[in-house]
Amino acid sequence: MADTDTDAGNDASKSSGGSMVSFIIAVVLLTLISAGAGFGAGGFLIDAPAPQDKVAKADKTNGAKTSGHGKSAGGGDTTSAGDDDSEAAQAIEIIKLEPVVTNLANPVETWVRIEASIELVSSYNGDKNLLLTTIAEDLLMFTRTLSLASISGSSGIAHYKEDISERARIRSGGAVNQVLLRMLVIE
């Protein structure tokens, strides 16, 4: 009888040891499978923008100007192959805007002073003073609609810069590349 009790104890220790080894093997296998799936998904996501690069290269070989989004700009103007370098390094003029001082929508007691510049394409044919005034007015009107919480922190300022750059692009008909914030003081 004593032998059967010790045999039962040995079997229990062997089965728990065996289940521990099988558990570790299962964890290692699941880790390898998930790492492989993550690697495969990462490779798929990194390769996704490749068609836009092909479109940009095709447009460039055809002589059409391309914007950063892979869309043809300038109405498909064709140029000679020697002008490709000049298109890539398109001349940009940086123009300083007049300072804008306004209050925010919430809290009303909070004042903001913004000093900014715009990146204007040198080939812009319109009235630059009118464009600068229009962009400064739009900057003032847009800033008056914001709350302090929407422009607090680095991500808030980044979103604000993207918003005002997009508004300036729309106002200028695409002649403004972006708005550069030189100073943003909140009091």
Protein backbone atom coordinates (compact mmCIF):
# COMPACT_ATOMS: atom_id res chain seq x y z
CA MET A 1 0.00 0.00 0.00
CA ALA A 2 2.80 2.33 0.74
CA ASP A 3 4.10 1.88 -2.77
CA THR A 4 0.82 2.93 -4.35
CA ASP A 5 0.70 6.14 -2.27
CA THR A 6 4.20 7.15 -3.36
CA ASP A 7 3.44 6.21 -6.96
CA ALA A 8 0.34 8.40 -6.87
CA GLY A 9 2.44 11.29 -5.47
CA ASN A 10 5.04 10.84 -8.22
CA ASP A 11 2.37 10.79 -10.90
CA ALA A 12 0.89 14.03 -9.58
CA SER A 13 4.29 15.75 -9.57
CA LYS A 14 5.05 14.47 -13.07
CA SER A 15 1.70 15.64 -14.41
CA SER A 16 2.09 19.15 -12.90
CA GLY A 17 5.64 19.36 -14.27
CA GLY A 18 4.42 18.24 -17.67
CA SER A 19 1.60 20.75 -17.66
CA MET A 20 4.07 23.55 -16.79
CA VAL A 21 6.28 22.61 -19.76
CA SER A 22 3.29 22.46 -22.09
CA PHE A 23 2.11 25.86 -20.79
CA ILE A 24 5.51 27.43 -21.50
CA ILE A 25 5.59 25.88 -24.97
CA ALA A 26 2.09 27.22 -25.66
CA VAL A 27 3.08 30.74 -24.52
CA VAL A 28 6.23 30.68 -26.69
CA LEU A 29 4.27 29.47 -29.73
CA LEU A 30 1.57 32.13 -29.26
CA THR A 31 4.26 34.80 -28.90
CA LEU A 32 5.94 33.70 -32.13
CA ILE A 33 2.64 33.60 -33.98
CA SER A 34 1.66 37.09 -32.79
CA ALA A 35 5.12 38.47 -33.62
CA GLY A 36 4.87 37.03 -37.12
CA ALA A 37 1.39 38.48 -37.58
CA GLY A 38 2.60 41.89 -36.36
CA PHE A 39 5.58 41.77 -38.70
CA GLY A 40 3.36 40.82 -41.62
CA ALA A 41 0.83 43.57 -40.86
CA GLY A 42 3.63 46.11 -40.46
CA GLY A 43 5.08 45.15 -43.83
CA PHE A 44 1.66 45.47 -45.41
CA LEU A 45 1.07 48.91 -43.89
CA ILE A 46 4.51 50.22 -44.82
CA ASP A 47 4.07 49.10 -48.43
CA ALA A 48 0.64 50.77 -48.70
CA PRO A 49 1.87 54.28 -49.76
CA ALA A 50 3.92 52.84 -52.61
CA PRO A 51 1.23 53.41 -55.30
CA GLN A 52 1.27 57.17 -54.60
CA ASP A 53 5.04 57.19 -55.12
CA LYS A 54 4.53 55.45 -58.47
CA VAL A 55 1.93 58.05 -59.48
CA ALA A 56 4.30 60.88 -58.53
CA LYS A 57 7.13 59.31 -60.55
CA ALA A 58 4.82 58.76 -63.52
CA ASP A 59 3.64 62.37 -63.39
CA LYS A 60 7.22 63.60 -63.13
CA THR A 61 8.30 61.56 -66.16
CA ASN A 62 5.33 62.95 -68.09
CA GLY A 63 6.46 66.46 -67.18
CA ALA A 64 3.49 67.43 -64.99
CA LYS A 65 4.03 69.24 -61.73
CA THR A 66 3.03 67.18 -58.71
CA SER A 67 1.98 68.35 -55.30
CA GLY A 68 2.87 66.55 -52.07
CA HIS A 69 -0.36 64.52 -52.28
CA GLY A 70 0.45 62.92 -55.64
CA LYS A 71 -2.07 65.08 -57.48
CA SER A 72 -1.19 66.96 -60.61
CA ALA A 73 -1.01 70.69 -60.04
CA GLY A 74 -0.84 73.56 -62.47
CA GLY A 75 -3.34 72.13 -64.91
CA GLY A 76 -0.95 69.54 -66.30
CA ASP A 77 1.58 72.02 -67.73
CA THR A 78 4.28 70.12 -69.53
CA THR A 79 7.92 71.10 -69.29
CA SER A 80 11.11 69.78 -70.75
CA ALA A 81 13.10 67.12 -68.93
CA GLY A 82 15.78 69.67 -67.98
CA ASP A 83 13.30 71.62 -65.84
CA ASP A 84 12.61 68.77 -63.38
CA ASP A 85 15.21 70.09 -60.91
CA SER A 86 13.71 73.58 -60.97
CA GLU A 87 10.24 72.15 -60.28
CA ALA A 88 11.48 70.22 -57.27
CA ALA A 89 13.08 73.36 -55.84
CA GLN A 90 10.18 75.72 -56.50
CA ALA A 91 10.90 79.23 -55.24
CA ILE A 92 9.04 80.12 -52.06
CA GLU A 93 8.73 83.56 -50.57
CA ILE A 94 8.25 83.95 -46.82
CA ILE A 95 6.11 86.97 -45.95
CA LYS A 96 5.54 88.23 -42.43
CA LEU A 97 1.93 88.90 -41.41
CA GLU A 98 0.93 91.77 -39.16
CA PRO A 99 0.53 90.66 -35.51
CA VAL A 100 -2.99 89.55 -34.58
CA VAL A 101 -4.34 90.27 -31.10
CA THR A 102 -7.74 88.91 -30.09
CA ASN A 103 -9.60 87.23 -27.28
CA LEU A 104 -10.72 83.61 -27.24
CA ALA A 105 -14.30 82.37 -27.19
CA ASN A 106 -13.83 80.60 -23.87
CA PRO A 107 -12.76 82.06 -21.43
CA VAL A 108 -13.52 85.50 -22.81
CA GLU A 109 -10.90 87.17 -20.58
CA THR A 110 -8.08 85.25 -22.30
CA TRP A 111 -6.16 87.23 -24.91
CA VAL A 112 -3.94 85.84 -27.66
CA ARG A 113 -1.20 87.53 -29.68
CA ILE A 114 -0.10 85.72 -32.83
CA GLU A 115 2.86 86.60 -35.00
CA ALA A 116 3.03 84.47 -38.11
CA SER A 117 4.49 84.28 -41.59
CA ILE A 118 3.27 82.55 -44.71
CA GLU A 119 5.13 80.50 -47.30
CA LEU A 120 3.91 81.95 -50.60
CA VAL A 121 4.77 80.46 -53.97
CA SER A 122 6.82 83.07 -55.87
CA SER A 123 4.75 82.59 -58.99
CA TYR A 124 1.66 84.08 -57.28
CA ASN A 125 0.18 86.68 -59.65
CA GLY A 126 -2.47 88.29 -57.42
CA ASP A 127 -2.32 91.27 -55.11
CA LYS A 128 -0.08 90.22 -52.21
CA ASN A 129 -1.29 92.96 -49.87
CA LEU A 130 -4.90 91.88 -50.37
CA LEU A 131 -3.93 88.26 -49.80
CA LEU A 132 -2.03 89.11 -46.59
CA THR A 133 -4.95 91.15 -45.28
CA THR A 134 -7.43 88.38 -46.11
CA ILE A 135 -5.31 85.73 -44.38
CA ALA A 136 -4.78 87.95 -41.30
CA GLU A 137 -8.55 88.59 -41.06
CA ASP A 138 -9.28 84.89 -41.41
CA LEU A 139 -6.67 84.12 -38.74
CA LEU A 140 -8.35 86.63 -36.42
CA MET A 141 -11.87 85.31 -37.04
CA PHE A 142 -10.84 81.67 -36.64
CA THR A 143 -8.88 82.33 -33.44
CA ARG A 144 -11.88 84.11 -31.88
CA THR A 145 -13.90 80.86 -32.18
CA LEU A 146 -11.41 78.76 -30.20
CA SER A 147 -11.38 77.83 -26.55
CA LEU A 148 -8.26 77.79 -24.42
CA ALA A 149 -8.50 74.00 -24.09
CA SER A 150 -8.37 73.53 -27.87
CA ILE A 151 -4.97 75.23 -28.23
CA SER A 152 -3.33 74.09 -25.01
CA GLY A 153 -0.44 71.70 -25.19
CA SER A 154 1.79 70.79 -28.10
CA SER A 155 -0.86 68.76 -29.91
CA GLY A 156 -3.35 71.64 -29.61
CA ILE A 157 -0.87 74.06 -31.16
CA ALA A 158 -0.04 71.55 -33.91
CA HIS A 159 -3.75 71.17 -34.75
CA TYR A 160 -4.17 74.95 -34.68
CA LYS A 161 -1.24 75.39 -37.08
CA GLU A 162 -2.67 72.76 -39.44
CA ASP A 163 -6.09 74.43 -39.35
CA ILE A 164 -4.81 77.92 -40.10
CA SER A 165 -2.48 76.60 -42.81
CA GLU A 166 -5.40 74.84 -44.50
CA ARG A 167 -7.54 77.99 -44.27
CA ALA A 168 -4.70 80.06 -45.79
CA ARG A 169 -4.32 77.52 -48.62
CA ILE A 170 -8.03 77.80 -49.37
CA ARG A 171 -8.02 81.61 -49.25
CA SER A 172 -5.04 81.83 -51.59
CA GLY A 173 -6.19 79.20 -54.05
CA GLY A 174 -3.23 76.97 -53.20
CA ALA A 175 -0.54 79.68 -53.42
CA VAL A 176 0.23 79.46 -49.69
CA ASN A 177 2.06 76.29 -48.66
CA GLN A 178 1.74 76.78 -44.92
CA VAL A 179 1.50 79.29 -42.12
CA LEU A 180 4.56 79.51 -39.91
CA LEU A 181 3.88 80.44 -36.30
CA ARG A 182 6.62 82.75 -35.07
CA MET A 183 5.06 83.57 -31.72
CA LEU A 184 1.88 82.58 -29.89
CA VAL A 185 1.33 84.33 -26.57
CA ILE A 186 -1.71 83.51 -24.43
CA GLU A 187 -2.46 85.87 -21.57
